[in-house]
Amino acid sequence: MSGTIRTKGGHGRLGSVLSGLAVAVGCVLFLGGFGWGAMLYQPYTIPSQSMTPTLDVGSRVLAQRVDGAEVRRGDVVVFRDPLWGDAPMVKRVAGIGGDTVACCDRDGRLTVNGTPVDEPYVEPGPEGRVTASDKAFSVTVPADSLFLLGDDRHLSLDSRSHLEDAGQGSVPRSTVTGRVDAVVWPAKGLLDRPTGFAALPGGTSEPGPLHLLLTAIGAGALLIVLGAAYGPVARLFTKRRPTGPRTGQRERVGA
């Protein structure tokens, strides 16, 4: 009899220890995920139509804090250049140092070092025709610089608007403060990496760690809920468990 009681008590203590451990690990994952995310990412609100349809006006995005040296063609970056108004802006990288970026080929596509680039994210023009630019240009990007374009090539004020500057519209890599990784409002999720530049040397960048962060936060929240729920659930089952002999039969009255 006493051995049975000790076994039940042991199971209860083990369950309490495991539930506490689950809550502790969950808190580490949950709070650690948010803390790590705050270090790696910065929020940003899109102020104009220059990046439609990829990024709508007023969209809230998360930009991974990266060094400008990590940026590759096709990346959507946040940058700040005094010659462009010294305010944070968002554009897409069309060319890097040493590239010759030109427009347009016979199919209206952008070319980088003579290679046509398919850009399915470009907003169609007023007549429904998709072209990489509404004006022709050919530029060789200076070393350690980036040639930037908006996805709405008919409205965007980008490197094409600064072709007469010393850098022919390019901005130094050092002006980049982040690379857009996800759209959180409206909830479009992770931003697709473009494939049109993949054939060029260096390829395109890999997605950031946001998916890993969200997984850690979600797993942490689940562990916290499960660990916290163990006590009430265990007590509920204990109350429902029969504690005495069955009394289904009537006791006999008298001798």
Protein backbone atom coordinates (compact mmCIF):
# COMPACT_ATOMS: atom_id res chain seq x y z
CA MET A 1 0.00 0.00 0.00
CA SER A 2 2.67 2.48 1.05
CA GLY A 3 4.75 1.53 -2.02
CA THR A 4 1.87 2.49 -4.31
CA ILE A 5 1.55 5.89 -2.69
CA ARG A 6 5.25 6.58 -3.12
CA THR A 7 5.08 5.66 -6.81
CA LYS A 8 2.21 8.06 -7.43
CA GLY A 9 4.02 10.81 -5.57
CA GLY A 10 7.14 10.13 -7.63
CA HIS A 11 5.21 10.46 -10.87
CA GLY A 12 3.72 13.73 -9.64
CA ARG A 13 7.09 15.17 -8.72
CA LEU A 14 8.57 14.07 -12.06
CA GLY A 15 5.68 15.69 -13.93
CA SER A 16 6.16 18.93 -11.99
CA VAL A 17 9.87 18.96 -12.75
CA LEU A 18 9.30 18.32 -16.46
CA SER A 19 6.56 20.96 -16.68
CA GLY A 20 8.84 23.50 -14.98
CA LEU A 21 11.66 22.59 -17.35
CA ALA A 22 9.34 23.00 -20.34
CA VAL A 23 8.31 26.46 -19.16
CA ALA A 24 11.94 27.46 -18.56
CA VAL A 25 13.10 26.27 -21.97
CA GLY A 26 10.04 27.87 -23.58
CA CYS A 27 10.85 31.22 -21.97
CA VAL A 28 14.44 31.02 -23.23
CA LEU A 29 13.29 30.28 -26.78
CA PHE A 30 10.45 32.80 -26.75
CA LEU A 31 12.28 35.74 -25.18
CA GLY A 32 15.58 34.81 -26.81
CA GLY A 33 13.93 34.73 -30.23
CA PHE A 34 12.51 38.21 -29.76
CA GLY A 35 15.79 39.53 -28.38
CA TRP A 36 17.82 38.00 -31.20
CA GLY A 37 15.33 39.33 -33.73
CA ALA A 38 15.61 42.86 -32.30
CA MET A 39 19.37 42.68 -32.76
CA LEU A 40 19.23 41.32 -36.32
CA TYR A 41 16.25 43.19 -37.76
CA GLN A 42 14.95 46.73 -38.01
CA PRO A 43 11.33 47.67 -38.86
CA TYR A 44 10.67 50.06 -41.70
CA THR A 45 7.56 51.61 -43.28
CA ILE A 46 7.44 52.00 -47.07
CA PRO A 47 6.78 55.70 -47.80
CA SER A 48 6.13 55.71 -51.57
CA GLN A 49 4.90 53.73 -54.58
CA SER A 50 8.36 53.20 -56.04
CA MET A 51 8.51 49.52 -55.00
CA THR A 52 4.99 48.44 -56.00
CA PRO A 53 3.75 45.79 -56.53
CA THR A 54 6.38 44.12 -54.30
CA LEU A 55 5.97 46.62 -51.46
CA ASP A 56 2.84 48.74 -51.21
CA VAL A 57 2.72 52.22 -49.72
CA GLY A 58 2.49 51.96 -45.95
CA SER A 59 3.72 48.36 -45.83
CA ARG A 60 5.63 47.39 -42.69
CA VAL A 61 8.74 45.41 -43.47
CA LEU A 62 11.58 43.82 -41.54
CA ALA A 63 15.05 44.60 -42.85
CA GLN A 64 17.95 42.46 -41.73
CA ARG A 65 20.88 44.54 -40.55
CA VAL A 66 23.65 43.69 -43.01
CA ASP A 67 26.91 45.18 -44.14
CA GLY A 68 26.81 46.67 -47.64
CA ALA A 69 29.53 44.22 -48.68
CA GLU A 70 27.02 41.34 -48.25
CA VAL A 71 24.50 42.77 -50.72
CA ARG A 72 23.98 41.01 -54.05
CA ARG A 73 22.04 41.70 -57.23
CA GLY A 74 18.29 41.48 -56.81
CA ASP A 75 18.30 42.32 -53.10
CA VAL A 76 15.80 44.90 -51.85
CA VAL A 77 17.82 47.18 -49.60
CA VAL A 78 17.31 50.05 -47.19
CA PHE A 79 19.93 52.75 -47.66
CA ARG A 80 20.61 56.36 -46.82
CA ASP A 81 22.63 58.60 -49.12
CA PRO A 82 23.06 62.39 -48.63
CA LEU A 83 22.89 62.94 -52.40
CA TRP A 84 19.44 61.29 -52.47
CA GLY A 85 17.97 63.47 -49.73
CA ASP A 86 19.64 61.86 -46.69
CA ALA A 87 16.48 59.93 -45.77
CA PRO A 88 16.00 56.12 -45.57
CA MET A 89 14.92 54.70 -48.94
CA VAL A 90 14.14 51.25 -50.31
CA LYS A 91 15.22 50.10 -53.78
CA ARG A 92 16.30 46.93 -55.58
CA VAL A 93 19.92 46.27 -56.48
CA ALA A 94 20.23 45.99 -60.26
CA GLY A 95 24.01 46.11 -60.53
CA ILE A 96 27.14 45.95 -58.40
CA GLY A 97 30.63 47.37 -58.84
CA GLY A 98 32.07 46.59 -62.28
CA ASP A 99 28.71 45.70 -63.88
CA THR A 100 27.48 47.34 -67.05
CA VAL A 101 23.75 47.85 -66.58
CA ALA A 102 21.78 48.79 -69.70
CA CYS A 103 18.23 49.05 -70.94
CA CYS A 104 16.57 47.85 -72.85
CA ASP A 105 16.97 44.81 -75.12
CA ARG A 106 14.49 44.03 -77.89
CA ASP A 107 12.15 42.41 -75.36
CA GLY A 108 12.25 45.41 -73.03
CA ARG A 109 14.44 43.66 -70.47
CA LEU A 110 17.28 44.97 -68.38
CA THR A 111 20.72 43.59 -69.25
CA VAL A 112 23.65 43.17 -66.87
CA ASN A 113 26.99 42.61 -68.60
CA GLY A 114 25.02 41.72 -71.72
CA THR A 115 22.88 39.09 -69.98
CA PRO A 116 19.11 39.75 -70.12
CA VAL A 117 17.41 39.67 -66.72
CA ASP A 118 13.83 38.51 -66.25
CA GLU A 119 12.08 40.69 -63.66
CA PRO A 120 8.55 39.38 -62.97
CA TYR A 121 8.20 41.83 -60.05
CA VAL A 122 8.26 44.93 -62.29
CA GLU A 123 5.00 46.90 -62.34
CA PRO A 124 3.41 47.11 -65.82
CA GLY A 125 3.20 50.52 -67.44
CA PRO A 126 0.04 52.54 -68.17
CA GLU A 127 -0.58 50.53 -71.34
CA GLY A 128 -0.06 47.21 -69.60
CA ARG A 129 3.36 46.64 -71.17
CA VAL A 130 6.18 45.53 -68.90
CA THR A 131 9.52 47.21 -69.60
CA ALA A 132 12.59 47.44 -67.42
CA SER A 133 12.76 51.20 -67.90
CA ASP A 134 10.82 53.94 -69.66
CA LYS A 135 14.09 55.52 -70.80
CA ALA A 136 17.23 54.02 -72.31
CA PHE A 137 20.54 54.08 -70.43
CA SER A 138 23.86 52.27 -70.17
CA VAL A 139 26.01 52.61 -67.06
CA THR A 140 29.17 51.02 -65.71
CA VAL A 141 28.85 50.80 -61.93
CA PRO A 142 31.90 52.11 -59.99
CA ALA A 143 33.73 49.77 -57.61
CA ASP A 144 32.11 49.22 -54.19
CA SER A 145 28.89 50.80 -55.43
CA LEU A 146 25.34 49.72 -56.25
CA PHE A 147 22.98 50.65 -59.08
CA LEU A 148 19.46 50.80 -57.63
CA LEU A 149 16.02 50.67 -59.26
CA GLY A 150 12.45 50.71 -57.96
CA ASP A 151 10.04 47.98 -59.04
CA ASP A 152 7.63 50.57 -60.46
CA ARG A 153 9.96 51.86 -63.16
CA HIS A 154 7.46 54.52 -64.28
CA LEU A 155 7.19 56.25 -60.89
CA SER A 156 10.41 55.44 -59.10
CA LEU A 157 13.07 58.09 -58.60
CA ASP A 158 16.16 55.90 -58.51
CA SER A 159 19.64 55.61 -60.01
CA ARG A 160 18.27 56.65 -63.40
CA SER A 161 17.39 60.04 -61.92
CA HIS A 162 21.01 60.57 -60.87
CA LEU A 163 22.83 59.53 -64.05
CA GLU A 164 24.47 62.97 -64.26
CA ASP A 165 26.04 62.61 -60.81
CA ALA A 166 29.68 61.65 -60.40
CA GLY A 167 28.84 58.00 -59.76
CA GLN A 168 26.33 57.84 -62.63
CA GLY A 169 23.48 57.20 -60.24
CA SER A 170 25.24 54.57 -58.12
CA VAL A 171 25.48 54.74 -54.34
CA PRO A 172 28.34 53.43 -52.17
CA ARG A 173 27.78 50.04 -50.53
CA SER A 174 28.48 51.75 -47.21
CA THR A 175 25.13 53.57 -47.42
CA VAL A 176 23.18 50.30 -47.02
CA THR A 177 21.68 49.76 -43.56
CA GLY A 178 19.53 46.70 -44.18
CA ARG A 179 18.14 44.11 -46.59
CA VAL A 180 14.37 43.59 -46.64
CA ASP A 181 13.55 40.04 -45.61
CA ALA A 182 9.80 40.03 -44.93
CA VAL A 183 6.59 42.02 -45.18
CA VAL A 184 4.76 41.88 -41.85
CA TRP A 185 1.84 44.19 -42.77
CA PRO A 186 -0.06 43.35 -44.81
CA ALA A 187 1.10 39.84 -43.90
CA LYS A 188 2.82 38.74 -47.12
CA GLY A 189 5.53 36.84 -45.27
CA LEU A 190 9.07 36.28 -46.46
CA LEU A 191 10.19 38.22 -49.51
CA ASP A 192 11.10 35.96 -52.43
CA ARG A 193 14.67 36.12 -53.65
CA PRO A 194 14.66 36.91 -57.40
CA THR A 195 15.94 34.26 -59.79
CA GLY A 196 16.67 36.54 -62.74
CA PHE A 197 20.17 37.40 -61.48
CA ALA A 198 21.09 33.84 -60.45
CA ALA A 199 23.05 33.12 -63.64
CA LEU A 200 25.40 36.05 -63.05
CA PRO A 201 28.63 35.64 -61.05
CA GLY A 202 27.94 35.75 -57.32
CA GLY A 203 24.33 34.64 -57.71
CA THR A 204 21.71 35.93 -55.29
CA SER A 205 21.66 36.11 -51.51
CA GLU A 206 20.21 33.46 -49.24
CA PRO A 207 17.11 34.20 -47.12
CA GLY A 208 17.82 35.66 -43.70
CA PRO A 209 17.33 33.89 -40.34
CA LEU A 210 13.77 35.17 -39.82
CA HIS A 211 12.23 31.74 -40.43
CA LEU A 212 14.49 30.24 -37.74
CA LEU A 213 13.57 33.04 -35.34
CA LEU A 214 9.84 32.52 -35.87
CA THR A 215 10.27 28.78 -35.34
CA ALA A 216 12.08 29.38 -32.04
CA ILE A 217 9.44 31.85 -30.85
CA GLY A 218 6.58 29.51 -31.81
CA ALA A 219 8.23 26.50 -30.16
CA GLY A 220 8.87 28.56 -27.04
CA ALA A 221 5.25 29.69 -26.82
CA LEU A 222 4.05 26.09 -27.23
CA LEU A 223 6.36 24.80 -24.48
CA ILE A 224 5.21 27.56 -22.11
CA VAL A 225 1.55 26.71 -22.70
CA LEU A 226 2.07 22.95 -22.33
CA GLY A 227 4.22 23.33 -19.23
CA ALA A 228 1.79 25.72 -17.57
CA ALA A 229 -1.16 23.48 -18.41
CA TYR A 230 0.32 20.38 -16.77
CA GLY A 231 -0.66 21.30 -13.19
CA PRO A 232 -4.37 22.04 -13.84
CA VAL A 233 -4.72 19.01 -16.12
CA ALA A 234 -3.04 16.68 -13.59
CA ARG A 235 -5.29 17.94 -10.78
CA LEU A 236 -8.36 17.47 -12.96
CA PHE A 237 -7.51 13.83 -13.64
CA THR A 238 -6.67 13.25 -9.98
CA LYS A 239 -10.11 14.50 -8.93
CA ARG A 240 -11.85 12.22 -11.41
CA ARG A 241 -9.92 9.10 -10.33
CA PRO A 242 -11.91 6.77 -7.99
CA THR A 243 -10.44 6.77 -4.49
CA GLY A 244 -12.52 4.12 -2.64
CA PRO A 245 -14.16 0.70 -3.12
CA ARG A 246 -17.04 0.39 -5.52
CA THR A 247 -20.44 0.80 -3.84
CA GLY A 248 -22.64 -0.53 -6.56
CA GLN A 249 -24.30 -3.12 -4.29
CA ARG A 250 -26.57 -2.28 -1.36
CA GLU A 251 -25.47 -3.18 2.13
CA ARG A 252 -27.66 -5.74 3.80
CA VAL A 253 -29.72 -4.39 6.68
CA GLY A 254 -29.96 -6.53 9.71
CA ALA A 255 -28.37 -9.82 10.63
